[in-house]
Amino acid sequence: MSVIRGVTLPPAFDDLDVGITLHDPESGAVLDVNESLERLYGYSTAELREMTVGEYTAPSTKFTEAEATRRIRAAAEGERQSFEWQVERATGELLWVRVRLSPTTIDGRTCVLAEIDDITEYRTRERRLRLLSRVLRHNLRNRMNLVAGRAGHVRAAVDDEELAAELERVEATAEEVAGLSESVRQIEEMAEPDATEREPTNVRAVAGPVVQGAREAYPGAELSLTVEDNAWLMADDGLRYALEHAVENAVEHNDRETPAVEVTVAAEGGQCVIRVADDGPPIPDVETEVLDETVETTSTYHGTGVGLWVMHWCVTSLGGELSFSENEPRGNVVEIALPRLDGTDASR
């Protein structure tokens, strides 16, 4: 198999911080690299030209040279590629990189350009977060369930009303902490690479089941839903998670004998606006202001839960905005504003 010879990167590529490699479109051989790539891999351009992809791929990785060649050929045919790869540097150090392949033409010859970023630190942080998530989701939840169960048994066995009330508060607190695991699961799920694959979504198809589920979970509450027909947007599971938390908070933190929650969905200009209005007590400023990244969280200034964090995370990941305001004559309005699709886009 012949390899293109004499094709090199323009000198300006050496000014880039990102690593660049130029590949033969058929064999996948390295034709040239920039200085950032030399520093990243620890090999010189001359060395890399004589090496195969397999020689600087981490030995324990599931990726193969054949896979690399297949992706390079696909990119040469116009199918851009983006993937993560583990590399073994000249020093033997292993690092993770994100590779983006695209076709290019240099001196009249078709080649494949690879942009390579070091994501080792990101991958390490991701693994730590996953470990923390497992500990919180499983260990903490199981322990809190045990605390709640034991507190319930003791409360049933005591005659002192004051002590029984204290034990009831212990139960409620343990159950609340155990419930955090579900919010953490949602955050972890939204962090998965395929979780952000969005599709045209009719908000009625999301809001309807959420409100119906709340009616079944809280039969003592009054819940209503009003949706405009042309309420379409690009969404993923984050929309459902955000709306579930908004409705649940509106009911659970309501001090009325019969909580009233009204969900409305409207197309306003280029946005789809979802409002969840209740007649409960005001949401404490400490709960909403902590979502502002400019506000420092301290041991004496913090929110009590992660429900609002999940809402904020999901809404901002969809390119939208989460806001809070007062309801009249009493209560709160949680507003989720997201980019809207028009009727033509929604039918695709």
Protein backbone atom coordinates (compact mmCIF):
# COMPACT_ATOMS: atom_id res chain seq x y z
CA MET A 1 0.00 0.00 0.00
CA SER A 2 1.59 3.28 -1.10
CA VAL A 3 1.79 6.20 1.29
CA ILE A 4 1.65 9.87 0.33
CA ARG A 5 5.08 11.43 0.70
CA GLY A 6 6.22 15.02 1.00
CA VAL A 7 2.95 16.44 2.38
CA THR A 8 3.48 18.61 5.45
CA LEU A 9 1.43 20.87 7.70
CA PRO A 10 1.63 24.63 7.11
CA PRO A 11 3.99 26.31 9.65
CA ALA A 12 1.06 28.13 11.32
CA PHE A 13 -0.06 24.84 12.89
CA ASP A 14 2.95 25.00 15.21
CA ASP A 15 1.36 28.03 16.87
CA LEU A 16 -1.65 26.00 18.04
CA ASP A 17 -1.98 24.63 21.58
CA VAL A 18 -3.94 21.62 20.33
CA GLY A 19 -2.04 18.61 18.97
CA ILE A 20 -2.34 18.07 15.21
CA THR A 21 -1.46 15.03 13.14
CA LEU A 22 -1.79 14.66 9.39
CA HIS A 23 -2.60 11.15 8.17
CA ASP A 24 -2.49 9.27 4.90
CA PRO A 25 -6.18 8.69 4.01
CA GLU A 26 -5.70 5.04 3.05
CA SER A 27 -2.99 3.56 5.30
CA GLY A 28 -3.50 5.87 8.26
CA ALA A 29 0.24 6.54 8.42
CA VAL A 30 1.41 9.78 10.04
CA LEU A 31 2.58 12.29 7.44
CA ASP A 32 3.33 15.20 9.74
CA VAL A 33 2.60 16.56 13.24
CA ASN A 34 2.84 19.95 14.91
CA GLU A 35 5.03 20.87 17.87
CA SER A 36 2.19 20.55 20.41
CA LEU A 37 1.69 16.93 19.36
CA GLU A 38 5.41 16.20 19.72
CA ARG A 39 5.30 17.52 23.29
CA LEU A 40 2.10 15.62 24.05
CA TYR A 41 3.27 12.21 22.79
CA GLY A 42 6.98 12.65 23.56
CA TYR A 43 8.03 11.49 20.08
CA SER A 44 9.59 13.54 17.30
CA THR A 45 7.92 13.99 13.93
CA ALA A 46 10.55 11.74 12.34
CA GLU A 47 9.85 8.98 14.88
CA LEU A 48 6.09 9.16 14.45
CA ARG A 49 6.39 8.93 10.66
CA GLU A 50 8.08 5.55 11.11
CA MET A 51 5.65 4.27 13.76
CA THR A 52 2.27 2.64 13.39
CA VAL A 53 -0.71 3.82 15.42
CA GLY A 54 -0.53 0.61 17.43
CA GLU A 55 2.97 1.42 18.64
CA TYR A 56 1.83 4.48 20.59
CA THR A 57 -1.55 3.11 21.63
CA ALA A 58 -1.78 1.99 25.27
CA PRO A 59 -1.17 -1.79 25.36
CA SER A 60 -4.12 -2.55 27.62
CA THR A 61 -6.65 -0.57 25.58
CA LYS A 62 -9.47 -2.22 23.69
CA PHE A 63 -8.76 -0.03 20.67
CA THR A 64 -6.77 -1.47 17.81
CA GLU A 65 -4.75 -0.15 14.91
CA ALA A 66 -7.34 -1.59 12.56
CA GLU A 67 -10.00 0.53 14.27
CA ALA A 68 -7.85 3.64 13.93
CA THR A 69 -7.31 2.97 10.23
CA ARG A 70 -11.04 2.39 9.71
CA ARG A 71 -11.88 5.72 11.31
CA ILE A 72 -9.25 7.56 9.28
CA ARG A 73 -10.63 6.09 6.03
CA ALA A 74 -14.17 7.01 7.07
CA ALA A 75 -13.06 10.59 7.75
CA ALA A 76 -11.35 10.75 4.34
CA GLU A 77 -14.70 9.87 2.75
CA GLY A 78 -16.38 12.79 4.51
CA GLU A 79 -17.65 11.07 7.67
CA ARG A 80 -16.10 13.16 10.42
CA GLN A 81 -15.03 11.22 13.50
CA SER A 82 -14.84 12.11 17.20
CA PHE A 83 -13.72 9.62 19.85
CA GLU A 84 -11.51 9.05 22.89
CA TRP A 85 -8.27 7.10 22.70
CA GLN A 86 -5.62 6.04 25.22
CA VAL A 87 -2.03 6.74 24.24
CA GLU A 88 1.31 5.52 25.61
CA ARG A 89 3.85 8.34 25.60
CA ALA A 90 7.53 7.80 24.86
CA THR A 91 8.13 7.79 28.64
CA GLY A 92 5.66 4.92 29.12
CA GLU A 93 3.11 7.25 30.71
CA LEU A 94 -0.49 6.58 29.70
CA LEU A 95 -2.84 9.43 28.86
CA TRP A 96 -6.33 9.82 27.43
CA VAL A 97 -6.93 12.01 24.39
CA ARG A 98 -9.98 13.13 22.45
CA VAL A 99 -9.47 12.80 18.71
CA ARG A 100 -11.43 14.61 16.00
CA LEU A 101 -10.80 13.53 12.41
CA SER A 102 -11.77 15.53 9.34
CA PRO A 103 -10.78 15.48 5.66
CA THR A 104 -8.52 18.23 4.30
CA THR A 105 -6.62 19.05 1.16
CA ILE A 106 -2.97 20.12 1.21
CA ASP A 107 -1.00 20.76 -1.98
CA GLY A 108 -3.86 19.29 -3.97
CA ARG A 109 -3.78 16.00 -2.04
CA THR A 110 -6.53 14.63 0.18
CA CYS A 111 -5.39 13.89 3.73
CA VAL A 112 -6.99 13.42 7.13
CA LEU A 113 -6.39 16.01 9.83
CA ALA A 114 -6.56 14.90 13.48
CA GLU A 115 -7.10 17.40 16.32
CA ILE A 116 -5.93 15.86 19.60
CA ASP A 117 -6.67 17.15 23.11
CA ASP A 118 -5.31 15.75 26.37
CA ILE A 119 -8.35 14.80 28.51
CA THR A 120 -6.52 12.74 31.14
CA GLU A 121 -7.40 15.14 33.95
CA TYR A 122 -11.03 15.18 32.84
CA ARG A 123 -11.19 11.36 32.78
CA THR A 124 -9.60 11.15 36.24
CA ARG A 125 -12.12 13.63 37.63
CA GLU A 126 -14.94 11.72 35.96
CA ARG A 127 -13.86 8.45 37.62
CA ARG A 128 -13.71 10.14 41.03
CA LEU A 129 -17.19 11.58 40.56
CA ARG A 130 -18.54 8.17 39.59
CA LEU A 131 -17.00 6.61 42.67
CA LEU A 132 -18.46 9.35 44.86
CA SER A 133 -21.81 8.85 43.17
CA ARG A 134 -21.81 5.12 43.90
CA VAL A 135 -20.94 5.74 47.55
CA LEU A 136 -23.70 8.32 47.89
CA ARG A 137 -26.31 6.43 45.91
CA HIS A 138 -25.81 3.04 47.50
CA ASN A 139 -23.99 3.21 50.84
CA LEU A 140 -25.54 6.42 52.13
CA ARG A 141 -29.03 5.48 50.95
CA ASN A 142 -28.86 2.06 52.58
CA ARG A 143 -27.57 3.50 55.85
CA MET A 144 -30.22 6.21 55.96
CA ASN A 145 -32.94 3.65 55.26
CA LEU A 146 -31.59 1.68 58.23
CA VAL A 147 -31.63 4.82 60.44
CA ALA A 148 -35.21 5.62 59.40
CA GLY A 149 -36.34 2.05 60.07
CA ARG A 150 -34.75 1.90 63.51
CA ALA A 151 -36.14 5.32 64.43
CA GLY A 152 -39.60 4.15 63.40
CA HIS A 153 -39.38 1.06 65.59
CA VAL A 154 -38.22 3.06 68.60
CA ARG A 155 -40.94 5.71 68.07
CA ALA A 156 -43.60 3.00 68.03
CA ALA A 157 -42.30 1.65 71.33
CA VAL A 158 -42.13 4.86 73.36
CA ASP A 159 -44.96 6.56 75.23
CA ASP A 160 -43.38 9.99 75.63
CA GLU A 161 -45.06 12.25 73.04
CA GLU A 162 -42.17 14.73 72.94
CA LEU A 163 -39.63 11.96 72.37
CA ALA A 164 -41.88 10.37 69.73
CA ALA A 165 -42.03 13.70 67.89
CA GLU A 166 -38.23 13.95 67.93
CA LEU A 167 -37.94 10.43 66.55
CA GLU A 168 -40.44 11.29 63.84
CA ARG A 169 -38.19 14.18 62.78
CA VAL A 170 -35.22 11.80 62.72
CA GLU A 171 -37.20 9.51 60.41
CA ALA A 172 -38.14 12.37 58.10
CA THR A 173 -34.55 13.63 57.92
CA ALA A 174 -33.17 10.15 57.20
CA GLU A 175 -35.73 9.63 54.43
CA GLU A 176 -34.87 13.02 52.93
CA VAL A 177 -31.15 12.22 52.87
CA ALA A 178 -31.82 8.77 51.41
CA GLY A 179 -33.89 10.45 48.70
CA LEU A 180 -30.86 12.44 47.56
CA SER A 181 -29.58 9.30 45.84
CA GLU A 182 -32.27 9.61 43.15
CA SER A 183 -31.21 13.17 42.35
CA VAL A 184 -27.58 12.08 42.17
CA ARG A 185 -28.60 9.24 39.84
CA GLN A 186 -30.26 11.75 37.53
CA ILE A 187 -27.18 13.97 37.50
CA GLU A 188 -24.96 10.97 36.77
CA GLU A 189 -27.30 9.84 33.98
CA MET A 190 -27.27 13.29 32.39
CA ALA A 191 -23.47 13.15 32.37
CA GLU A 192 -23.43 10.05 30.16
CA PRO A 193 -22.21 10.79 26.60
CA ASP A 194 -25.44 9.60 24.95
CA ALA A 195 -27.71 11.32 27.48
CA THR A 196 -27.55 14.62 25.64
CA GLU A 197 -28.81 13.21 22.34
CA ARG A 198 -31.79 15.47 21.78
CA GLU A 199 -34.76 15.11 19.52
CA PRO A 200 -37.79 17.22 18.60
CA THR A 201 -40.14 16.97 21.58
CA ASN A 202 -43.74 18.06 22.10
CA VAL A 203 -43.77 19.43 25.64
CA ARG A 204 -47.31 18.11 26.14
CA ALA A 205 -45.93 14.57 25.79
CA VAL A 206 -43.55 15.27 28.69
CA ALA A 207 -45.66 17.51 30.92
CA GLY A 208 -48.79 15.35 30.71
CA PRO A 209 -47.26 12.21 32.29
CA VAL A 210 -45.39 14.31 34.88
CA VAL A 211 -48.56 16.04 36.07
CA GLN A 212 -50.55 12.80 36.01
CA GLY A 213 -47.85 11.08 38.05
CA ALA A 214 -47.99 13.91 40.60
CA ARG A 215 -51.78 13.58 40.83
CA GLU A 216 -51.40 9.92 41.69
CA ALA A 217 -48.56 10.54 44.16
CA TYR A 218 -50.32 13.48 45.85
CA PRO A 219 -54.08 12.82 45.73
CA GLY A 220 -54.69 15.64 48.22
CA ALA A 221 -53.30 18.29 45.87
CA GLU A 222 -54.96 20.12 43.00
CA LEU A 223 -52.86 20.04 39.85
CA SER A 224 -53.76 21.57 36.49
CA LEU A 225 -52.02 21.61 33.11
CA THR A 226 -52.45 23.99 30.18
CA VAL A 227 -50.34 23.48 27.04
CA GLU A 228 -50.32 25.40 23.76
CA ASP A 229 -50.40 23.16 20.70
CA ASN A 230 -47.22 24.58 19.16
CA ALA A 231 -44.95 23.90 22.14
CA TRP A 232 -42.07 21.99 20.56
CA LEU A 233 -38.39 22.03 21.44
CA MET A 234 -35.20 20.00 21.16
CA ALA A 235 -34.92 18.05 24.40
CA ASP A 236 -33.57 15.02 26.22
CA ASP A 237 -34.45 13.38 29.55
CA GLY A 238 -33.31 16.52 31.34
CA LEU A 239 -36.62 18.23 30.52
CA ARG A 240 -38.60 15.55 32.35
CA TYR A 241 -36.25 15.57 35.35
CA ALA A 242 -36.48 19.35 35.68
CA LEU A 243 -40.27 19.38 35.44
CA GLU A 244 -40.63 16.50 37.91
CA HIS A 245 -38.54 18.34 40.51
CA ALA A 246 -40.43 21.60 39.96
CA VAL A 247 -43.84 19.97 40.46
CA GLU A 248 -42.70 17.81 43.36
CA ASN A 249 -41.19 20.79 45.20
CA ALA A 250 -44.34 22.85 44.63
CA VAL A 251 -46.45 20.19 46.36
CA GLU A 252 -44.15 18.90 49.07
CA HIS A 253 -43.13 22.33 50.40
CA ASN A 254 -46.68 23.67 50.37
CA ASP A 255 -48.28 24.39 53.74
CA ARG A 256 -51.87 24.52 52.45
CA GLU A 257 -54.32 21.78 53.40
CA THR A 258 -54.99 21.38 49.67
CA PRO A 259 -51.93 22.53 47.73
CA ALA A 260 -52.72 24.06 44.33
CA VAL A 261 -50.17 23.76 41.52
CA GLU A 262 -50.73 25.08 38.00
CA VAL A 263 -48.44 24.05 35.14
CA THR A 264 -48.64 26.11 31.95
CA VAL A 265 -46.68 25.71 28.74
CA ALA A 266 -46.65 28.51 26.18
CA ALA A 267 -44.80 29.42 23.00
CA GLU A 268 -43.51 32.96 23.50
CA GLY A 269 -41.51 34.34 20.60
CA GLY A 270 -38.52 32.08 20.07
CA GLN A 271 -38.94 30.36 23.41
CA CYS A 272 -41.04 27.63 24.94
CA VAL A 273 -41.83 28.76 28.49
CA ILE A 274 -42.93 26.30 31.18
CA ARG A 275 -44.28 27.81 34.39
CA VAL A 276 -45.01 25.90 37.58
CA ALA A 277 -47.04 28.15 39.91
CA ASP A 278 -48.02 27.23 43.48
CA ASP A 279 -49.74 28.86 46.46
CA GLY A 280 -47.23 27.79 49.11
CA PRO A 281 -44.74 29.73 51.22
CA PRO A 282 -41.91 31.63 49.46
CA ILE A 283 -38.87 29.66 48.38
CA PRO A 284 -36.07 30.81 50.73
CA ASP A 285 -33.51 33.05 49.03
CA VAL A 286 -30.75 30.79 50.34
CA GLU A 287 -32.11 27.99 48.16
CA THR A 288 -32.17 29.94 44.88
CA GLU A 289 -29.21 32.29 45.33
CA VAL A 290 -26.85 29.36 45.81
CA LEU A 291 -27.46 28.51 42.14
CA ASP A 292 -25.68 31.74 41.26
CA GLU A 293 -22.06 30.83 40.60
CA THR A 294 -20.97 34.27 41.82
CA VAL A 295 -22.32 33.51 45.31
CA GLU A 296 -19.81 31.73 47.54
CA THR A 297 -21.14 28.70 49.40
CA THR A 298 -19.95 28.49 53.00
CA SER A 299 -20.70 26.32 55.98
CA THR A 300 -23.32 28.86 57.09
CA TYR A 301 -24.72 29.69 53.67
CA HIS A 302 -25.96 26.82 51.63
CA GLY A 303 -29.06 25.18 50.23
CA THR A 304 -30.58 22.16 51.90
CA GLY A 305 -31.01 19.83 48.95
CA VAL A 306 -30.01 19.06 45.38
CA GLY A 307 -33.42 19.20 43.70
CA LEU A 308 -32.90 22.78 42.50
CA TRP A 309 -29.39 21.86 41.39
CA VAL A 310 -30.81 19.08 39.21
CA MET A 311 -33.34 21.49 37.71
CA HIS A 312 -30.66 24.09 37.05
CA TRP A 313 -28.28 21.51 35.57
CA CYS A 314 -30.91 20.07 33.24
CA VAL A 315 -32.30 23.40 32.04
CA THR A 316 -28.91 25.01 31.36
CA SER A 317 -27.70 21.86 29.57
CA LEU A 318 -30.59 22.36 27.13
CA GLY A 319 -29.54 25.95 26.48
CA GLY A 320 -32.33 27.38 28.61
CA GLU A 321 -32.78 29.50 31.71
CA LEU A 322 -34.30 28.70 35.10
CA SER A 323 -35.82 31.58 37.10
CA PHE A 324 -37.99 32.12 40.19
CA SER A 325 -40.57 34.78 41.02
CA GLU A 326 -43.43 35.43 43.43
CA ASN A 327 -46.96 34.30 42.64
CA GLU A 328 -49.97 36.49 43.34
CA PRO A 329 -51.51 36.68 45.88
CA ARG A 330 -49.22 34.04 47.44
CA GLY A 331 -46.78 31.41 46.34
CA ASN A 332 -43.99 30.89 43.82
CA VAL A 333 -43.55 30.65 40.07
CA VAL A 334 -40.75 28.49 38.71
CA GLU A 335 -40.09 29.36 35.08
CA ILE A 336 -38.21 27.20 32.59
CA ALA A 337 -37.48 29.01 29.31
CA LEU A 338 -36.06 26.90 26.46
CA PRO A 339 -35.37 27.53 22.75
CA ARG A 340 -38.50 26.68 20.73
CA LEU A 341 -38.92 24.79 17.48
CA ASP A 342 -41.48 26.09 15.02
CA GLY A 343 -44.03 23.80 13.40
CA THR A 344 -41.83 23.08 10.39
CA ASP A 345 -38.86 21.99 12.51
CA ALA A 346 -41.06 19.89 14.78
CA SER A 347 -42.34 17.79 11.91
CA ARG A 348 -38.93 16.57 10.88
